[in-house]
């Protein structure tokens, strides 16, 4: 692989090197399928997005590969969002407190728990006479139940049933047709 940086080349040379690489489309589809975007590639290569997209569209094989990569990226995004929601619903408060109930330093929090905590309120009260300190810490977290509900719905574990029956009497049907006849006249 060459040590040439896109910024070292003229725009024409950048495009030549970019488009003449036989593995270029493989790199594009791999990047896109794993959650990346063509915009990222465009910026890194210093080539306008529209030129790269035109190059892809100019060849059916490239276009089909790019379309498949976009489908894969949508699936990747769905899986990523589901994993994130799942971690927000499954965290355990015991991972951020010690045996005495004290809050651990944030640097010791596991990533899944740190993502679920959206704020901490700390209030301190000092009693000057006896020199005691009262510290209250409140942890604000994401709605764990809502996260679990979203995961359960995604996995079809919760199915909402709606009663869509609508009973109409014969009199109501006759009246509706009479009203429509009067409107037409």
C-alpha atoms as a PDB file:
ATOM      1  CA  UNK A   1       0.000   0.000   0.000  1.00  0.00           C
ATOM      2  CA  UNK A   2       1.211   3.467  -0.888  1.00  0.00           C
ATOM      3  CA  UNK A   3       2.033   6.200   1.616  1.00  0.00           C
ATOM      4  CA  UNK A   4       0.540   8.818  -0.687  1.00  0.00           C
ATOM      5  CA  UNK A   5      -2.017  10.988   1.081  1.00  0.00           C
ATOM      6  CA  UNK A   6      -4.944  12.485  -0.861  1.00  0.00           C
ATOM      7  CA  UNK A   7      -3.799  15.971   0.113  1.00  0.00           C
ATOM      8  CA  UNK A   8      -0.447  15.319  -1.634  1.00  0.00           C
ATOM      9  CA  UNK A   9      -2.168  14.898  -5.009  1.00  0.00           C
ATOM     10  CA  UNK A  10      -3.904  17.191  -7.421  1.00  0.00           C
ATOM     11  CA  UNK A  11      -7.680  16.705  -7.692  1.00  0.00           C
ATOM     12  CA  UNK A  12      -7.261  14.875 -11.027  1.00  0.00           C
ATOM     13  CA  UNK A  13      -4.598  12.578  -9.593  1.00  0.00           C
ATOM     14  CA  UNK A  14      -6.745  11.897  -6.504  1.00  0.00           C
ATOM     15  CA  UNK A  15      -9.612  10.799  -8.711  1.00  0.00           C
ATOM     16  CA  UNK A  16      -7.350   8.666 -10.892  1.00  0.00           C
ATOM     17  CA  UNK A  17      -5.869   6.830  -7.889  1.00  0.00           C
ATOM     18  CA  UNK A  18      -9.269   6.443  -6.265  1.00  0.00           C
ATOM     19  CA  UNK A  19     -11.187   5.143  -9.267  1.00  0.00           C
ATOM     20  CA  UNK A  20      -8.397   2.991 -10.723  1.00  0.00           C
ATOM     21  CA  UNK A  21      -7.982   0.871  -7.577  1.00  0.00           C
ATOM     22  CA  UNK A  22      -9.498  -2.558  -8.422  1.00  0.00           C
ATOM     23  CA  UNK A  23     -10.391  -3.147  -4.740  1.00  0.00           C
ATOM     24  CA  UNK A  24     -12.046   0.261  -4.289  1.00  0.00           C
ATOM     25  CA  UNK A  25     -15.618  -1.008  -4.523  1.00  0.00           C
ATOM     26  CA  UNK A  26     -14.856  -3.779  -2.010  1.00  0.00           C
ATOM     27  CA  UNK A  27     -13.588  -1.136   0.436  1.00  0.00           C
ATOM     28  CA  UNK A  28     -16.660   1.030  -0.123  1.00  0.00           C
ATOM     29  CA  UNK A  29     -19.157  -1.797   0.377  1.00  0.00           C
ATOM     30  CA  UNK A  30     -17.346  -3.097   3.468  1.00  0.00           C
ATOM     31  CA  UNK A  31     -17.288   0.383   5.010  1.00  0.00           C
ATOM     32  CA  UNK A  32     -20.950   1.087   4.245  1.00  0.00           C
ATOM     33  CA  UNK A  33     -22.186  -2.362   5.317  1.00  0.00           C
ATOM     34  CA  UNK A  34     -20.506  -1.865   8.698  1.00  0.00           C
ATOM     35  CA  UNK A  35     -22.310   1.376   9.441  1.00  0.00           C
ATOM     36  CA  UNK A  36     -20.095   3.852   7.598  1.00  0.00           C
ATOM     37  CA  UNK A  37     -21.154   6.226   4.888  1.00  0.00           C
ATOM     38  CA  UNK A  38     -20.052   7.251   1.443  1.00  0.00           C
ATOM     39  CA  UNK A  39     -19.704  10.765   2.842  1.00  0.00           C
ATOM     40  CA  UNK A  40     -16.918   9.512   5.146  1.00  0.00           C
ATOM     41  CA  UNK A  41     -15.121   8.011   2.154  1.00  0.00           C
ATOM     42  CA  UNK A  42     -15.657  11.140   0.091  1.00  0.00           C
ATOM     43  CA  UNK A  43     -14.128  13.356   2.788  1.00  0.00           C
ATOM     44  CA  UNK A  44     -11.175  11.046   3.394  1.00  0.00           C
ATOM     45  CA  UNK A  45     -10.395  10.751  -0.327  1.00  0.00           C
ATOM     46  CA  UNK A  46     -11.052  14.473  -0.919  1.00  0.00           C
ATOM     47  CA  UNK A  47     -13.306  13.597  -3.854  1.00  0.00           C
ATOM     48  CA  UNK A  48     -16.803  15.059  -4.207  1.00  0.00           C
ATOM     49  CA  UNK A  49     -19.540  12.710  -3.081  1.00  0.00           C
ATOM     50  CA  UNK A  50     -21.387  13.273  -6.355  1.00  0.00           C
ATOM     51  CA  UNK A  51     -18.431  11.978  -8.393  1.00  0.00           C
ATOM     52  CA  UNK A  52     -18.152   8.808  -6.322  1.00  0.00           C
ATOM     53  CA  UNK A  53     -21.897   8.244  -6.528  1.00  0.00           C
ATOM     54  CA  UNK A  54     -21.849   8.815 -10.311  1.00  0.00           C
ATOM     55  CA  UNK A  55     -18.998   6.270 -10.614  1.00  0.00           C
ATOM     56  CA  UNK A  56     -21.041   3.729  -8.624  1.00  0.00           C
ATOM     57  CA  UNK A  57     -24.188   4.333 -10.678  1.00  0.00           C
ATOM     58  CA  UNK A  58     -22.287   4.047 -13.970  1.00  0.00           C
ATOM     59  CA  UNK A  59     -21.850   0.295 -13.520  1.00  0.00           C
ATOM     60  CA  UNK A  60     -24.670  -2.123 -12.642  1.00  0.00           C
ATOM     61  CA  UNK A  61     -22.370  -4.462 -10.697  1.00  0.00           C
ATOM     62  CA  UNK A  62     -21.069  -1.571  -8.578  1.00  0.00           C
ATOM     63  CA  UNK A  63     -24.590  -0.219  -8.075  1.00  0.00           C
ATOM     64  CA  UNK A  64     -25.910  -3.643  -7.028  1.00  0.00           C
ATOM     65  CA  UNK A  65     -23.001  -4.052  -4.596  1.00  0.00           C
ATOM     66  CA  UNK A  66     -23.607  -0.599  -3.139  1.00  0.00           C
ATOM     67  CA  UNK A  67     -27.360  -1.259  -2.827  1.00  0.00           C
ATOM     68  CA  UNK A  68     -26.641  -4.525  -0.996  1.00  0.00           C
ATOM     69  CA  UNK A  69     -24.205  -2.707   1.301  1.00  0.00           C
ATOM     70  CA  UNK A  70     -26.904  -0.117   2.084  1.00  0.00           C
ATOM     71  CA  UNK A  71     -29.324  -2.944   2.951  1.00  0.00           C
ATOM     72  CA  UNK A  72     -26.659  -4.448   5.209  1.00  0.00           C
ATOM     73  CA  UNK A  73     -26.117  -1.055   6.857  1.00  0.00           C
ATOM     74  CA  UNK A  74     -29.843  -0.775   7.619  1.00  0.00           C
ATOM     75  CA  UNK A  75     -29.714  -4.199   9.253  1.00  0.00           C
ATOM     76  CA  UNK A  76     -26.526  -3.178  11.124  1.00  0.00           C
ATOM     77  CA  UNK A  77     -28.290  -0.029  12.366  1.00  0.00           C
ATOM     78  CA  UNK A  78     -31.320  -2.016  13.556  1.00  0.00           C
ATOM     79  CA  UNK A  79     -29.103  -4.458  15.424  1.00  0.00           C
ATOM     80  CA  UNK A  80     -27.031  -1.623  16.934  1.00  0.00           C
ATOM     81  CA  UNK A  81     -30.106   0.228  18.170  1.00  0.00           C
ATOM     82  CA  UNK A  82     -31.592  -2.956  19.607  1.00  0.00           C
ATOM     83  CA  UNK A  83     -28.315  -3.765  21.392  1.00  0.00           C
ATOM     84  CA  UNK A  84     -28.185  -0.250  22.832  1.00  0.00           C
ATOM     85  CA  UNK A  85     -31.780  -0.378  24.061  1.00  0.00           C
ATOM     86  CA  UNK A  86     -31.161  -3.846  25.478  1.00  0.00           C
ATOM     87  CA  UNK A  87     -28.123  -2.617  27.442  1.00  0.00           C
ATOM     88  CA  UNK A  88     -30.154   0.338  28.787  1.00  0.00           C
ATOM     89  CA  UNK A  89     -32.798  -2.087  30.027  1.00  0.00           C
ATOM     90  CA  UNK A  90     -30.469  -4.654  31.545  1.00  0.00           C
ATOM     91  CA  UNK A  91     -27.985  -2.623  33.613  1.00  0.00           C
ATOM     92  CA  UNK A  92     -27.565  -3.251  37.337  1.00  0.00           C
ATOM     93  CA  UNK A  93     -27.235  -0.432  39.903  1.00  0.00           C
ATOM     94  CA  UNK A  94     -24.970  -2.620  42.049  1.00  0.00           C
ATOM     95  CA  UNK A  95     -22.199  -2.075  39.522  1.00  0.00           C
ATOM     96  CA  UNK A  96     -21.808   1.597  40.571  1.00  0.00           C
ATOM     97  CA  UNK A  97     -21.953   1.311  44.368  1.00  0.00           C
ATOM     98  CA  UNK A  98     -19.599  -0.337  46.812  1.00  0.00           C
ATOM     99  CA  UNK A  99     -20.518  -2.696  49.682  1.00  0.00           C
ATOM    100  CA  UNK A 100     -21.226   0.292  51.972  1.00  0.00           C
ATOM    101  CA  UNK A 101     -23.598   1.908  49.481  1.00  0.00           C
ATOM    102  CA  UNK A 102     -21.174   4.604  48.389  1.00  0.00           C
ATOM    103  CA  UNK A 103     -21.078   5.668  44.769  1.00  0.00           C
ATOM    104  CA  UNK A 104     -17.975   4.420  42.972  1.00  0.00           C
ATOM    105  CA  UNK A 105     -15.868   6.909  40.981  1.00  0.00           C
ATOM    106  CA  UNK A 106     -17.214   7.263  37.431  1.00  0.00           C
ATOM    107  CA  UNK A 107     -13.943   5.884  36.063  1.00  0.00           C
ATOM    108  CA  UNK A 108     -14.854   2.528  37.621  1.00  0.00           C
ATOM    109  CA  UNK A 109     -18.331   2.293  36.109  1.00  0.00           C
ATOM    110  CA  UNK A 110     -18.860  -0.350  33.424  1.00  0.00           C
ATOM    111  CA  UNK A 111     -19.790   1.133  30.040  1.00  0.00           C
ATOM    112  CA  UNK A 112     -23.285  -0.380  30.009  1.00  0.00           C
ATOM    113  CA  UNK A 113     -24.116   1.217  33.344  1.00  0.00           C
ATOM    114  CA  UNK A 114     -22.491   4.557  32.527  1.00  0.00           C
ATOM    115  CA  UNK A 115     -24.708   4.837  29.429  1.00  0.00           C
ATOM    116  CA  UNK A 116     -27.818   4.331  31.541  1.00  0.00           C
ATOM    117  CA  UNK A 117     -27.020   7.118  34.019  1.00  0.00           C
ATOM    118  CA  UNK A 118     -28.083  10.503  32.726  1.00  0.00           C
ATOM    119  CA  UNK A 119     -27.293  12.606  35.782  1.00  0.00           C
ATOM    120  CA  UNK A 120     -26.235  12.742  39.393  1.00  0.00           C
ATOM    121  CA  UNK A 121     -27.498  15.248  41.954  1.00  0.00           C
ATOM    122  CA  UNK A 122     -25.227  15.774  44.924  1.00  0.00           C
ATOM    123  CA  UNK A 123     -26.261  17.914  47.890  1.00  0.00           C
ATOM    124  CA  UNK A 124     -24.067  18.510  50.915  1.00  0.00           C
ATOM    125  CA  UNK A 125     -25.081  19.874  54.315  1.00  0.00           C
ATOM    126  CA  UNK A 126     -22.565  20.812  56.946  1.00  0.00           C
ATOM    127  CA  UNK A 127     -23.366  21.013  60.637  1.00  0.00           C
ATOM    128  CA  UNK A 128     -20.797  23.468  62.041  1.00  0.00           C
ATOM    129  CA  UNK A 129     -21.458  22.644  65.679  1.00  0.00           C
ATOM    130  CA  UNK A 130     -20.674  18.945  65.506  1.00  0.00           C
ATOM    131  CA  UNK A 131     -18.715  19.159  62.255  1.00  0.00           C
ATOM    132  CA  UNK A 132     -20.766  16.446  60.610  1.00  0.00           C
ATOM    133  CA  UNK A 133     -21.454  16.366  56.934  1.00  0.00           C
ATOM    134  CA  UNK A 134     -24.569  14.992  55.331  1.00  0.00           C
ATOM    135  CA  UNK A 135     -24.137  14.140  51.648  1.00  0.00           C
ATOM    136  CA  UNK A 136     -27.081  13.032  49.548  1.00  0.00           C
ATOM    137  CA  UNK A 137     -26.533  11.579  46.109  1.00  0.00           C
ATOM    138  CA  UNK A 138     -29.344  10.907  43.679  1.00  0.00           C
ATOM    139  CA  UNK A 139     -28.748   9.015  40.474  1.00  0.00           C
ATOM    140  CA  UNK A 140     -30.959   9.819  37.493  1.00  0.00           C
ATOM    141  CA  UNK A 141     -31.233   6.997  35.008  1.00  0.00           C
ATOM    142  CA  UNK A 142     -32.930   6.201  31.744  1.00  0.00           C
ATOM    143  CA  UNK A 143     -36.351   4.621  32.010  1.00  0.00           C
ATOM    144  CA  UNK A 144     -35.391   0.982  32.385  1.00  0.00           C
ATOM    145  CA  UNK A 145     -38.955  -0.269  32.032  1.00  0.00           C
ATOM    146  CA  UNK A 146     -39.442   1.674  28.781  1.00  0.00           C
ATOM    147  CA  UNK A 147     -36.199   0.200  27.412  1.00  0.00           C
ATOM    148  CA  UNK A 148     -37.285  -3.313  28.289  1.00  0.00           C
ATOM    149  CA  UNK A 149     -40.697  -2.676  26.738  1.00  0.00           C
ATOM    150  CA  UNK A 150     -39.053  -1.533  23.485  1.00  0.00           C
ATOM    151  CA  UNK A 151     -36.887  -4.669  23.366  1.00  0.00           C
ATOM    152  CA  UNK A 152     -39.860  -6.906  24.143  1.00  0.00           C
ATOM    153  CA  UNK A 153     -41.937  -5.300  21.380  1.00  0.00           C
ATOM    154  CA  UNK A 154     -39.068  -5.691  18.916  1.00  0.00           C
ATOM    155  CA  UNK A 155     -38.790  -9.365  19.780  1.00  0.00           C
ATOM    156  CA  UNK A 156     -42.596  -9.744  19.549  1.00  0.00           C
ATOM    157  CA  UNK A 157     -42.797 -10.684  23.217  1.00  0.00           C
ATOM    158  CA  UNK A 158     -45.494  -8.074  23.755  1.00  0.00           C
ATOM    159  CA  UNK A 159     -48.321  -7.987  21.295  1.00  0.00           C
ATOM    160  CA  UNK A 160     -50.862  -5.235  21.614  1.00  0.00           C
ATOM    161  CA  UNK A 161     -54.353  -6.361  20.751  1.00  0.00           C
ATOM    162  CA  UNK A 162     -56.881  -3.884  19.459  1.00  0.00           C
ATOM    163  CA  UNK A 163     -60.577  -4.553  19.211  1.00  0.00           C
ATOM    164  CA  UNK A 164     -61.473  -3.377  15.729  1.00  0.00           C
ATOM    165  CA  UNK A 165     -64.995  -4.700  15.670  1.00  0.00           C
ATOM    166  CA  UNK A 166     -67.514  -2.122  14.639  1.00  0.00           C
ATOM    167  CA  UNK A 167     -71.075  -3.201  14.873  1.00  0.00           C
ATOM    168  CA  UNK A 168     -73.545  -1.535  12.546  1.00  0.00           C
ATOM    169  CA  UNK A 169     -77.269  -2.104  12.715  1.00  0.00           C
ATOM    170  CA  UNK A 170     -79.463  -2.519   9.659  1.00  0.00           C
ATOM    171  CA  UNK A 171     -81.191   0.772  10.495  1.00  0.00           C
ATOM    172  CA  UNK A 172     -77.820   2.581  10.483  1.00  0.00           C
ATOM    173  CA  UNK A 173     -76.955   1.123   7.068  1.00  0.00           C
ATOM    174  CA  UNK A 174     -80.303   2.164   5.598  1.00  0.00           C
ATOM    175  CA  UNK A 175     -79.989   5.668   7.055  1.00  0.00           C
ATOM    176  CA  UNK A 176     -76.462   6.103   5.675  1.00  0.00           C
ATOM    177  CA  UNK A 177     -77.589   5.151   2.150  1.00  0.00           C
ATOM    178  CA  UNK A 178     -80.557   7.539   2.404  1.00  0.00           C
ATOM    179  CA  UNK A 179     -78.234  10.357   3.495  1.00  0.00           C
ATOM    180  CA  UNK A 180     -75.923   9.692   0.554  1.00  0.00           C
ATOM    181  CA  UNK A 181     -78.888   9.698  -1.893  1.00  0.00           C
ATOM    182  CA  UNK A 182     -80.012  13.081  -0.533  1.00  0.00           C
ATOM    183  CA  UNK A 183     -76.480  14.494  -0.887  1.00  0.00           C
ATOM    184  CA  UNK A 184     -76.296  13.431  -4.538  1.00  0.00           C
ATOM    185  CA  UNK A 185     -79.574  15.202  -5.458  1.00  0.00           C
END
